[in-house]
Amino acid sequence: MDELLDTIRGVLDGPIDFKSQKFTEDISYKLLIVGAILSSLAGFVAQDIKVLLVFSGLTILVTLGIVIPPYPGYNTENIEWYSPKIGN
């Protein structure tokens, strides 16, 4: 079981820079808000709670698919860390 979790962690845990962290946070909020509005409208038009729940679930899955994987484009601006100077 540990090997499976290590494999999943290796795929999903990758480097991402600070600018891309802000971008993924913003895009996730926007996608979830738009998805909530659209799923509410679809459920209202269809007069069916199942439609609302399906659209909400699809919105969450699409958002997770866009935000969670560490795509190479999320690590384009690496931070150059300065090493401390000790002494004079």
PDB file of N, CA and C in Angstrom:
ATOM      1  N   MET A   1       0.814  -1.189   0.000  1.00  0.00           N
ATOM      2  CA  MET A   1       0.000   0.000   0.000  1.00  0.00           C
ATOM      3  C   MET A   1       0.862   1.260   0.000  1.00  0.00           C
ATOM      4  N   ASP A   2       1.987   1.208   0.724  1.00  0.00           N
ATOM      5  CA  ASP A   2       2.871   2.370   0.777  1.00  0.00           C
ATOM      6  C   ASP A   2       3.480   2.684  -0.585  1.00  0.00           C
ATOM      7  N   GLU A   3       3.774   1.632  -1.366  1.00  0.00           N
ATOM      8  CA  GLU A   3       4.346   1.873  -2.691  1.00  0.00           C
ATOM      9  C   GLU A   3       3.350   2.593  -3.587  1.00  0.00           C
ATOM     10  N   LEU A   4       2.068   2.224  -3.476  1.00  0.00           N
ATOM     11  CA  LEU A   4       1.029   2.879  -4.268  1.00  0.00           C
ATOM     12  C   LEU A   4       0.902   4.343  -3.875  1.00  0.00           C
ATOM     13  N   LEU A   5       0.910   4.614  -2.584  1.00  0.00           N
ATOM     14  CA  LEU A   5       0.820   6.002  -2.130  1.00  0.00           C
ATOM     15  C   LEU A   5       2.047   6.815  -2.530  1.00  0.00           C
ATOM     16  N   ASP A   6       3.222   6.193  -2.491  1.00  0.00           N
ATOM     17  CA  ASP A   6       4.438   6.890  -2.928  1.00  0.00           C
ATOM     18  C   ASP A   6       4.388   7.193  -4.418  1.00  0.00           C
ATOM     19  N   THR A   7       3.836   6.285  -5.200  1.00  0.00           N
ATOM     20  CA  THR A   7       3.701   6.515  -6.637  1.00  0.00           C
ATOM     21  C   THR A   7       2.744   7.665  -6.905  1.00  0.00           C
ATOM     22  N   ILE A   8       1.613   7.660  -6.230  1.00  0.00           N
ATOM     23  CA  ILE A   8       0.638   8.742  -6.410  1.00  0.00           C
ATOM     24  C   ILE A   8       1.233  10.070  -5.953  1.00  0.00           C
ATOM     25  N   ARG A   9       1.925  10.065  -4.835  1.00  0.00           N
ATOM     26  CA  ARG A   9       2.547  11.288  -4.324  1.00  0.00           C
ATOM     27  C   ARG A   9       3.614  11.796  -5.301  1.00  0.00           C
ATOM     28  N   GLY A  10       4.366  10.884  -5.919  1.00  0.00           N
ATOM     29  CA  GLY A  10       5.387  11.283  -6.881  1.00  0.00           C
ATOM     30  C   GLY A  10       4.798  11.928  -8.116  1.00  0.00           C
ATOM     31  N   VAL A  11       3.615  11.470  -8.525  1.00  0.00           N
ATOM     32  CA  VAL A  11       2.967  12.043  -9.706  1.00  0.00           C
ATOM     33  C   VAL A  11       2.345  13.395  -9.382  1.00  0.00           C
ATOM     34  N   LEU A  12       1.702  13.511  -8.237  1.00  0.00           N
ATOM     35  CA  LEU A  12       0.960  14.719  -7.908  1.00  0.00           C
ATOM     36  C   LEU A  12       1.787  15.785  -7.193  1.00  0.00           C
ATOM     37  N   ASP A  13       2.884  15.410  -6.574  1.00  0.00           N
ATOM     38  CA  ASP A  13       3.683  16.358  -5.818  1.00  0.00           C
ATOM     39  C   ASP A  13       4.866  16.784  -6.658  1.00  0.00           C
ATOM     40  N   GLY A  14       4.807  17.997  -7.141  1.00  0.00           N
ATOM     41  CA  GLY A  14       5.887  18.486  -7.985  1.00  0.00           C
ATOM     42  C   GLY A  14       6.165  19.939  -7.699  1.00  0.00           C
ATOM     43  N   PRO A  15       7.213  20.466  -8.292  1.00  0.00           N
ATOM     44  CA  PRO A  15       7.555  21.863  -8.046  1.00  0.00           C
ATOM     45  C   PRO A  15       6.568  22.817  -8.714  1.00  0.00           C
ATOM     46  N   ILE A  16       6.284  23.896  -8.030  1.00  0.00           N
ATOM     47  CA  ILE A  16       5.431  24.948  -8.579  1.00  0.00           C
ATOM     48  C   ILE A  16       5.913  26.272  -7.985  1.00  0.00           C
ATOM     49  N   ASP A  17       6.039  27.298  -8.827  1.00  0.00           N
ATOM     50  CA  ASP A  17       6.544  28.578  -8.335  1.00  0.00           C
ATOM     51  C   ASP A  17       5.411  29.400  -7.715  1.00  0.00           C
ATOM     52  N   PHE A  18       5.793  30.497  -7.062  1.00  0.00           N
ATOM     53  CA  PHE A  18       4.823  31.287  -6.315  1.00  0.00           C
ATOM     54  C   PHE A  18       3.802  31.964  -7.231  1.00  0.00           C
ATOM     55  N   LYS A  19       4.246  32.437  -8.384  1.00  0.00           N
ATOM     56  CA  LYS A  19       3.328  33.092  -9.321  1.00  0.00           C
ATOM     57  C   LYS A  19       2.286  32.093  -9.819  1.00  0.00           C
ATOM     58  N   SER A  20       2.692  30.873 -10.073  1.00  0.00           N
ATOM     59  CA  SER A  20       1.757  29.847 -10.526  1.00  0.00           C
ATOM     60  C   SER A  20       0.831  29.393  -9.404  1.00  0.00           C
ATOM     61  N   GLN A  21       1.298  29.429  -8.166  1.00  0.00           N
ATOM     62  CA  GLN A  21       0.416  29.119  -7.044  1.00  0.00           C
ATOM     63  C   GLN A  21      -0.731  30.119  -6.977  1.00  0.00           C
ATOM     64  N   LYS A  22      -0.418  31.378  -7.154  1.00  0.00           N
ATOM     65  CA  LYS A  22      -1.457  32.414  -7.167  1.00  0.00           C
ATOM     66  C   LYS A  22      -2.395  32.208  -8.349  1.00  0.00           C
ATOM     67  N   PHE A  23      -1.842  31.870  -9.515  1.00  0.00           N
ATOM     68  CA  PHE A  23      -2.657  31.640 -10.703  1.00  0.00           C
ATOM     69  C   PHE A  23      -3.617  30.474 -10.499  1.00  0.00           C
ATOM     70  N   THR A  24      -3.120  29.350  -9.959  1.00  0.00           N
ATOM     71  CA  THR A  24      -3.981  28.192  -9.761  1.00  0.00           C
ATOM     72  C   THR A  24      -5.049  28.467  -8.695  1.00  0.00           C
ATOM     73  N   GLU A  25      -4.710  29.254  -7.690  1.00  0.00           N
ATOM     74  CA  GLU A  25      -5.706  29.624  -6.687  1.00  0.00           C
ATOM     75  C   GLU A  25      -6.812  30.473  -7.311  1.00  0.00           C
ATOM     76  N   ASP A  26      -6.411  31.471  -8.112  1.00  0.00           N
ATOM     77  CA  ASP A  26      -7.396  32.331  -8.765  1.00  0.00           C
ATOM     78  C   ASP A  26      -8.274  31.553  -9.731  1.00  0.00           C
ATOM     79  N   ILE A  27      -7.664  30.693 -10.535  1.00  0.00           N
ATOM     80  CA  ILE A  27      -8.437  29.943 -11.532  1.00  0.00           C
ATOM     81  C   ILE A  27      -9.367  28.946 -10.857  1.00  0.00           C
ATOM     82  N   SER A  28      -8.950  28.377  -9.732  1.00  0.00           N
ATOM     83  CA  SER A  28      -9.828  27.433  -9.045  1.00  0.00           C
ATOM     84  C   SER A  28     -11.044  28.156  -8.471  1.00  0.00           C
ATOM     85  N   TYR A  29     -10.845  29.328  -7.877  1.00  0.00           N
ATOM     86  CA  TYR A  29     -11.979  30.094  -7.363  1.00  0.00           C
ATOM     87  C   TYR A  29     -12.942  30.460  -8.489  1.00  0.00           C
ATOM     88  N   LYS A  30     -12.395  30.952  -9.594  1.00  0.00           N
ATOM     89  CA  LYS A  30     -13.244  31.367 -10.714  1.00  0.00           C
ATOM     90  C   LYS A  30     -14.010  30.194 -11.301  1.00  0.00           C
ATOM     91  N   LEU A  31     -13.333  29.066 -11.494  1.00  0.00           N
ATOM     92  CA  LEU A  31     -14.007  27.896 -12.048  1.00  0.00           C
ATOM     93  C   LEU A  31     -15.111  27.390 -11.123  1.00  0.00           C
ATOM     94  N   LEU A  32     -14.848  27.358  -9.835  1.00  0.00           N
ATOM     95  CA  LEU A  32     -15.859  26.873  -8.896  1.00  0.00           C
ATOM     96  C   LEU A  32     -17.057  27.815  -8.809  1.00  0.00           C
ATOM     97  N   ILE A  33     -16.825  29.105  -8.864  1.00  0.00           N
ATOM     98  CA  ILE A  33     -17.938  30.058  -8.811  1.00  0.00           C
ATOM     99  C   ILE A  33     -18.781  29.969 -10.076  1.00  0.00           C
ATOM    100  N   VAL A  34     -18.124  29.962 -11.234  1.00  0.00           N
ATOM    101  CA  VAL A  34     -18.862  29.857 -12.499  1.00  0.00           C
ATOM    102  C   VAL A  34     -19.596  28.520 -12.573  1.00  0.00           C
ATOM    103  N   GLY A  35     -18.941  27.453 -12.144  1.00  0.00           N
ATOM    104  CA  GLY A  35     -19.584  26.147 -12.142  1.00  0.00           C
ATOM    105  C   GLY A  35     -20.780  26.085 -11.213  1.00  0.00           C
ATOM    106  N   ALA A  36     -20.695  26.731 -10.057  1.00  0.00           N
ATOM    107  CA  ALA A  36     -21.820  26.753  -9.124  1.00  0.00           C
ATOM    108  C   ALA A  36     -23.003  27.512  -9.719  1.00  0.00           C
ATOM    109  N   ILE A  37     -22.719  28.623 -10.372  1.00  0.00           N
ATOM    110  CA  ILE A  37     -23.791  29.395 -10.997  1.00  0.00           C
ATOM    111  C   ILE A  37     -24.436  28.603 -12.126  1.00  0.00           C
ATOM    112  N   LEU A  38     -23.609  28.001 -12.991  1.00  0.00           N
ATOM    113  CA  LEU A  38     -24.154  27.238 -14.117  1.00  0.00           C
ATOM    114  C   LEU A  38     -24.914  26.001 -13.657  1.00  0.00           C
ATOM    115  N   SER A  39     -24.399  25.317 -12.646  1.00  0.00           N
ATOM    116  CA  SER A  39     -25.111  24.129 -12.168  1.00  0.00           C
ATOM    117  C   SER A  39     -26.418  24.513 -11.492  1.00  0.00           C
ATOM    118  N   SER A  40     -26.430  25.639 -10.800  1.00  0.00           N
ATOM    119  CA  SER A  40     -27.682  26.101 -10.196  1.00  0.00           C
ATOM    120  C   SER A  40     -28.709  26.456 -11.261  1.00  0.00           C
ATOM    121  N   LEU A  41     -28.256  27.135 -12.305  1.00  0.00           N
ATOM    122  CA  LEU A  41     -29.165  27.469 -13.401  1.00  0.00           C
ATOM    123  C   LEU A  41     -29.666  26.222 -14.110  1.00  0.00           C
ATOM    124  N   ALA A  42     -28.784  25.272 -14.348  1.00  0.00           N
ATOM    125  CA  ALA A  42     -29.202  24.033 -15.018  1.00  0.00           C
ATOM    126  C   ALA A  42     -30.186  23.258 -14.157  1.00  0.00           C
ATOM    127  N   GLY A  43     -29.946  23.190 -12.871  1.00  0.00           N
ATOM    128  CA  GLY A  43     -30.878  22.521 -11.972  1.00  0.00           C
ATOM    129  C   GLY A  43     -32.211  23.232 -11.887  1.00  0.00           C
ATOM    130  N   PHE A  44     -32.181  24.566 -11.931  1.00  0.00           N
ATOM    131  CA  PHE A  44     -33.420  25.334 -11.874  1.00  0.00           C
ATOM    132  C   PHE A  44     -34.233  25.147 -13.146  1.00  0.00           C
ATOM    133  N   VAL A  45     -33.542  25.197 -14.291  1.00  0.00           N
ATOM    134  CA  VAL A  45     -34.248  25.033 -15.565  1.00  0.00           C
ATOM    135  C   VAL A  45     -34.828  23.630 -15.686  1.00  0.00           C
ATOM    136  N   ALA A  46     -34.068  22.624 -15.292  1.00  0.00           N
ATOM    137  CA  ALA A  46     -34.537  21.244 -15.393  1.00  0.00           C
ATOM    138  C   ALA A  46     -35.467  20.869 -14.242  1.00  0.00           C
ATOM    139  N   GLN A  47     -35.491  21.685 -13.192  1.00  0.00           N
ATOM    140  CA  GLN A  47     -36.276  21.385 -11.998  1.00  0.00           C
ATOM    141  C   GLN A  47     -35.935  20.002 -11.443  1.00  0.00           C
ATOM    142  N   ASP A  48     -34.613  19.745 -11.388  1.00  0.00           N
ATOM    143  CA  ASP A  48     -34.143  18.437 -10.927  1.00  0.00           C
ATOM    144  C   ASP A  48     -32.861  18.632 -10.117  1.00  0.00           C
ATOM    145  N   ILE A  49     -32.870  18.133  -8.893  1.00  0.00           N
ATOM    146  CA  ILE A  49     -31.698  18.269  -8.027  1.00  0.00           C
ATOM    147  C   ILE A  49     -30.545  17.409  -8.524  1.00  0.00           C
ATOM    148  N   LYS A  50     -30.857  16.314  -9.219  1.00  0.00           N
ATOM    149  CA  LYS A  50     -29.804  15.446  -9.746  1.00  0.00           C
ATOM    150  C   LYS A  50     -28.975  16.175 -10.789  1.00  0.00           C
ATOM    151  N   VAL A  51     -29.603  16.985 -11.609  1.00  0.00           N
ATOM    152  CA  VAL A  51     -28.876  17.766 -12.620  1.00  0.00           C
ATOM    153  C   VAL A  51     -27.914  18.723 -11.929  1.00  0.00           C
ATOM    154  N   LEU A  52     -28.393  19.380 -10.884  1.00  0.00           N
ATOM    155  CA  LEU A  52     -27.540  20.293 -10.127  1.00  0.00           C
ATOM    156  C   LEU A  52     -26.341  19.557  -9.541  1.00  0.00           C
ATOM    157  N   LEU A  53     -26.584  18.405  -8.947  1.00  0.00           N
ATOM    158  CA  LEU A  53     -25.490  17.658  -8.323  1.00  0.00           C
ATOM    159  C   LEU A  53     -24.498  17.122  -9.349  1.00  0.00           C
ATOM    160  N   VAL A  54     -24.985  16.674 -10.498  1.00  0.00           N
ATOM    161  CA  VAL A  54     -24.082  16.167 -11.545  1.00  0.00           C
ATOM    162  C   VAL A  54     -23.215  17.295 -12.082  1.00  0.00           C
ATOM    163  N   PHE A  55     -23.823  18.449 -12.368  1.00  0.00           N
ATOM    164  CA  PHE A  55     -23.045  19.580 -12.864  1.00  0.00           C
ATOM    165  C   PHE A  55     -22.046  20.071 -11.817  1.00  0.00           C
ATOM    166  N   SER A  56     -22.439  20.069 -10.557  1.00  0.00           N
ATOM    167  CA  SER A  56     -21.511  20.471  -9.496  1.00  0.00           C
ATOM    168  C   SER A  56     -20.341  19.492  -9.392  1.00  0.00           C
ATOM    169  N   GLY A  57     -20.633  18.209  -9.456  1.00  0.00           N
ATOM    170  CA  GLY A  57     -19.569  17.202  -9.411  1.00  0.00           C
ATOM    171  C   GLY A  57     -18.618  17.314 -10.579  1.00  0.00           C
ATOM    172  N   LEU A  58     -19.164  17.541 -11.774  1.00  0.00           N
ATOM    173  CA  LEU A  58     -18.304  17.712 -12.952  1.00  0.00           C
ATOM    174  C   LEU A  58     -17.439  18.960 -12.831  1.00  0.00           C
ATOM    175  N   THR A  59     -18.004  20.018 -12.275  1.00  0.00           N
ATOM    176  CA  THR A  59     -17.232  21.245 -12.065  1.00  0.00           C
ATOM    177  C   THR A  59     -16.056  20.993 -11.132  1.00  0.00           C
ATOM    178  N   ILE A  60     -16.300  20.262 -10.061  1.00  0.00           N
ATOM    179  CA  ILE A  60     -15.230  19.965  -9.106  1.00  0.00           C
ATOM    180  C   ILE A  60     -14.165  19.093  -9.752  1.00  0.00           C
ATOM    181  N   LEU A  61     -14.574  18.079 -10.519  1.00  0.00           N
ATOM    182  CA  LEU A  61     -13.599  17.206 -11.172  1.00  0.00           C
ATOM    183  C   LEU A  61     -12.762  17.952 -12.207  1.00  0.00           C
ATOM    184  N   VAL A  62     -13.387  18.822 -12.980  1.00  0.00           N
ATOM    185  CA  VAL A  62     -12.637  19.606 -13.972  1.00  0.00           C
ATOM    186  C   VAL A  62     -11.655  20.543 -13.274  1.00  0.00           C
ATOM    187  N   THR A  63     -12.103  21.182 -12.211  1.00  0.00           N
ATOM    188  CA  THR A  63     -11.219  22.085 -11.460  1.00  0.00           C
ATOM    189  C   THR A  63     -10.033  21.323 -10.872  1.00  0.00           C
ATOM    190  N   LEU A  64     -10.286  20.160 -10.299  1.00  0.00           N
ATOM    191  CA  LEU A  64      -9.195  19.352  -9.752  1.00  0.00           C
ATOM    192  C   LEU A  64      -8.223  18.921 -10.845  1.00  0.00           C
ATOM    193  N   GLY A  65      -8.752  18.569 -12.015  1.00  0.00           N
ATOM    194  CA  GLY A  65      -7.885  18.162 -13.126  1.00  0.00           C
ATOM    195  C   GLY A  65      -7.012  19.283 -13.647  1.00  0.00           C
ATOM    196  N   ILE A  66      -7.480  20.510 -13.506  1.00  0.00           N
ATOM    197  CA  ILE A  66      -6.697  21.657 -13.979  1.00  0.00           C
ATOM    198  C   ILE A  66      -5.690  22.107 -12.929  1.00  0.00           C
ATOM    199  N   VAL A  67      -6.061  22.048 -11.666  1.00  0.00           N
ATOM    200  CA  VAL A  67      -5.260  22.667 -10.614  1.00  0.00           C
ATOM    201  C   VAL A  67      -4.249  21.715  -9.973  1.00  0.00           C
ATOM    202  N   ILE A  68      -4.612  20.470  -9.739  1.00  0.00           N
ATOM    203  CA  ILE A  68      -3.754  19.598  -8.931  1.00  0.00           C
ATOM    204  C   ILE A  68      -2.477  19.127  -9.623  1.00  0.00           C
ATOM    205  N   PRO A  69      -2.505  18.629 -10.852  1.00  0.00           N
ATOM    206  CA  PRO A  69      -1.239  18.119 -11.418  1.00  0.00           C
ATOM    207  C   PRO A  69      -0.200  19.233 -11.584  1.00  0.00           C
ATOM    208  N   PRO A  70       1.056  18.938 -11.286  1.00  0.00           N
ATOM    209  CA  PRO A  70       2.113  19.955 -11.440  1.00  0.00           C
ATOM    210  C   PRO A  70       2.579  20.040 -12.889  1.00  0.00           C
ATOM    211  N   TYR A  71       1.811  20.718 -13.713  1.00  0.00           N
ATOM    212  CA  TYR A  71       2.169  20.871 -15.123  1.00  0.00           C
ATOM    213  C   TYR A  71       3.481  21.645 -15.244  1.00  0.00           C
ATOM    214  N   PRO A  72       4.266  21.380 -16.294  1.00  0.00           N
ATOM    215  CA  PRO A  72       5.545  22.094 -16.448  1.00  0.00           C
ATOM    216  C   PRO A  72       5.385  23.612 -16.549  1.00  0.00           C
ATOM    217  N   GLY A  73       4.257  24.070 -17.050  1.00  0.00           N
ATOM    218  CA  GLY A  73       4.025  25.510 -17.147  1.00  0.00           C
ATOM    219  C   GLY A  73       3.873  26.192 -15.802  1.00  0.00           C
ATOM    220  N   TYR A  74       3.657  25.411 -14.750  1.00  0.00           N
ATOM    221  CA  TYR A  74       3.509  25.967 -13.408  1.00  0.00           C
ATOM    222  C   TYR A  74       4.855  26.209 -12.734  1.00  0.00           C
ATOM    223  N   ASN A  75       5.949  25.895 -13.398  1.00  0.00           N
ATOM    224  CA  ASN A  75       7.268  26.043 -12.781  1.00  0.00           C
ATOM    225  C   ASN A  75       8.218  26.743 -13.745  1.00  0.00           C
ATOM    226  N   THR A  76       7.800  27.878 -14.261  1.00  0.00           N
ATOM    227  CA  THR A  76       8.635  28.586 -15.233  1.00  0.00           C
ATOM    228  C   THR A  76       9.509  29.659 -14.607  1.00  0.00           C
ATOM    229  N   GLU A  77       9.113  30.214 -13.479  1.00  0.00           N
ATOM    230  CA  GLU A  77       9.875  31.292 -12.845  1.00  0.00           C
ATOM    231  C   GLU A  77      10.473  30.796 -11.536  1.00  0.00           C
ATOM    232  N   ASN A  78      11.626  30.210 -11.629  1.00  0.00           N
ATOM    233  CA  ASN A  78      12.292  29.706 -10.423  1.00  0.00           C
ATOM    234  C   ASN A  78      12.866  30.863  -9.614  1.00  0.00           C
ATOM    235  N   ILE A  79      12.830  30.702  -8.320  1.00  0.00           N
ATOM    236  CA  ILE A  79      13.370  31.719  -7.420  1.00  0.00           C
ATOM    237  C   ILE A  79      14.831  31.394  -7.159  1.00  0.00           C
ATOM    238  N   GLU A  80      15.663  32.401  -7.302  1.00  0.00           N
ATOM    239  CA  GLU A  80      17.082  32.216  -7.020  1.00  0.00           C
ATOM    240  C   GLU A  80      17.315  32.587  -5.560  1.00  0.00           C
ATOM    241  N   TRP A  81      17.645  31.601  -4.770  1.00  0.00           N
ATOM    242  CA  TRP A  81      17.876  31.820  -3.350  1.00  0.00           C
ATOM    243  C   TRP A  81      19.329  32.254  -3.137  1.00  0.00           C
ATOM    244  N   TYR A  82      19.509  33.257  -2.321  1.00  0.00           N
ATOM    245  CA  TYR A  82      20.848  33.743  -2.023  1.00  0.00           C
ATOM    246  C   TYR A  82      21.396  32.989  -0.814  1.00  0.00           C
ATOM    247  N   SER A  83      22.662  32.622  -0.900  1.00  0.00           N
ATOM    248  CA  SER A  83      23.267  31.947   0.244  1.00  0.00           C
ATOM    249  C   SER A  83      23.795  33.019   1.215  1.00  0.00           C
ATOM    250  N   PRO A  84      23.637  32.762   2.497  1.00  0.00           N
ATOM    251  CA  PRO A  84      24.027  33.779   3.496  1.00  0.00           C
ATOM    252  C   PRO A  84      25.543  33.928   3.541  1.00  0.00           C
ATOM    253  N   LYS A  85      25.971  35.149   3.783  1.00  0.00           N
ATOM    254  CA  LYS A  85      27.398  35.427   3.959  1.00  0.00           C
ATOM    255  C   LYS A  85      27.712  35.410   5.439  1.00  0.00           C
ATOM    256  N   ILE A  86      28.638  34.601   5.794  1.00  0.00           N
ATOM    257  CA  ILE A  86      29.036  34.478   7.201  1.00  0.00           C
ATOM    258  C   ILE A  86      30.355  35.226   7.379  1.00  0.00           C
ATOM    259  N   GLY A  87      30.366  36.105   8.355  1.00  0.00           N
ATOM    260  CA  GLY A  87      31.590  36.862   8.627  1.00  0.00           C
ATOM    261  C   GLY A  87      31.706  38.068   7.724  1.00  0.00           C
ATOM    262  N   ASN A  88      32.941  38.582   7.594  1.00  0.00           N
ATOM    263  CA  ASN A  88      33.196  39.773   6.784  1.00  0.00           C
ATOM    264  C   ASN A  88      33.556  39.363   5.437  1.00  0.00           C
TER     265      ASN A  88
END
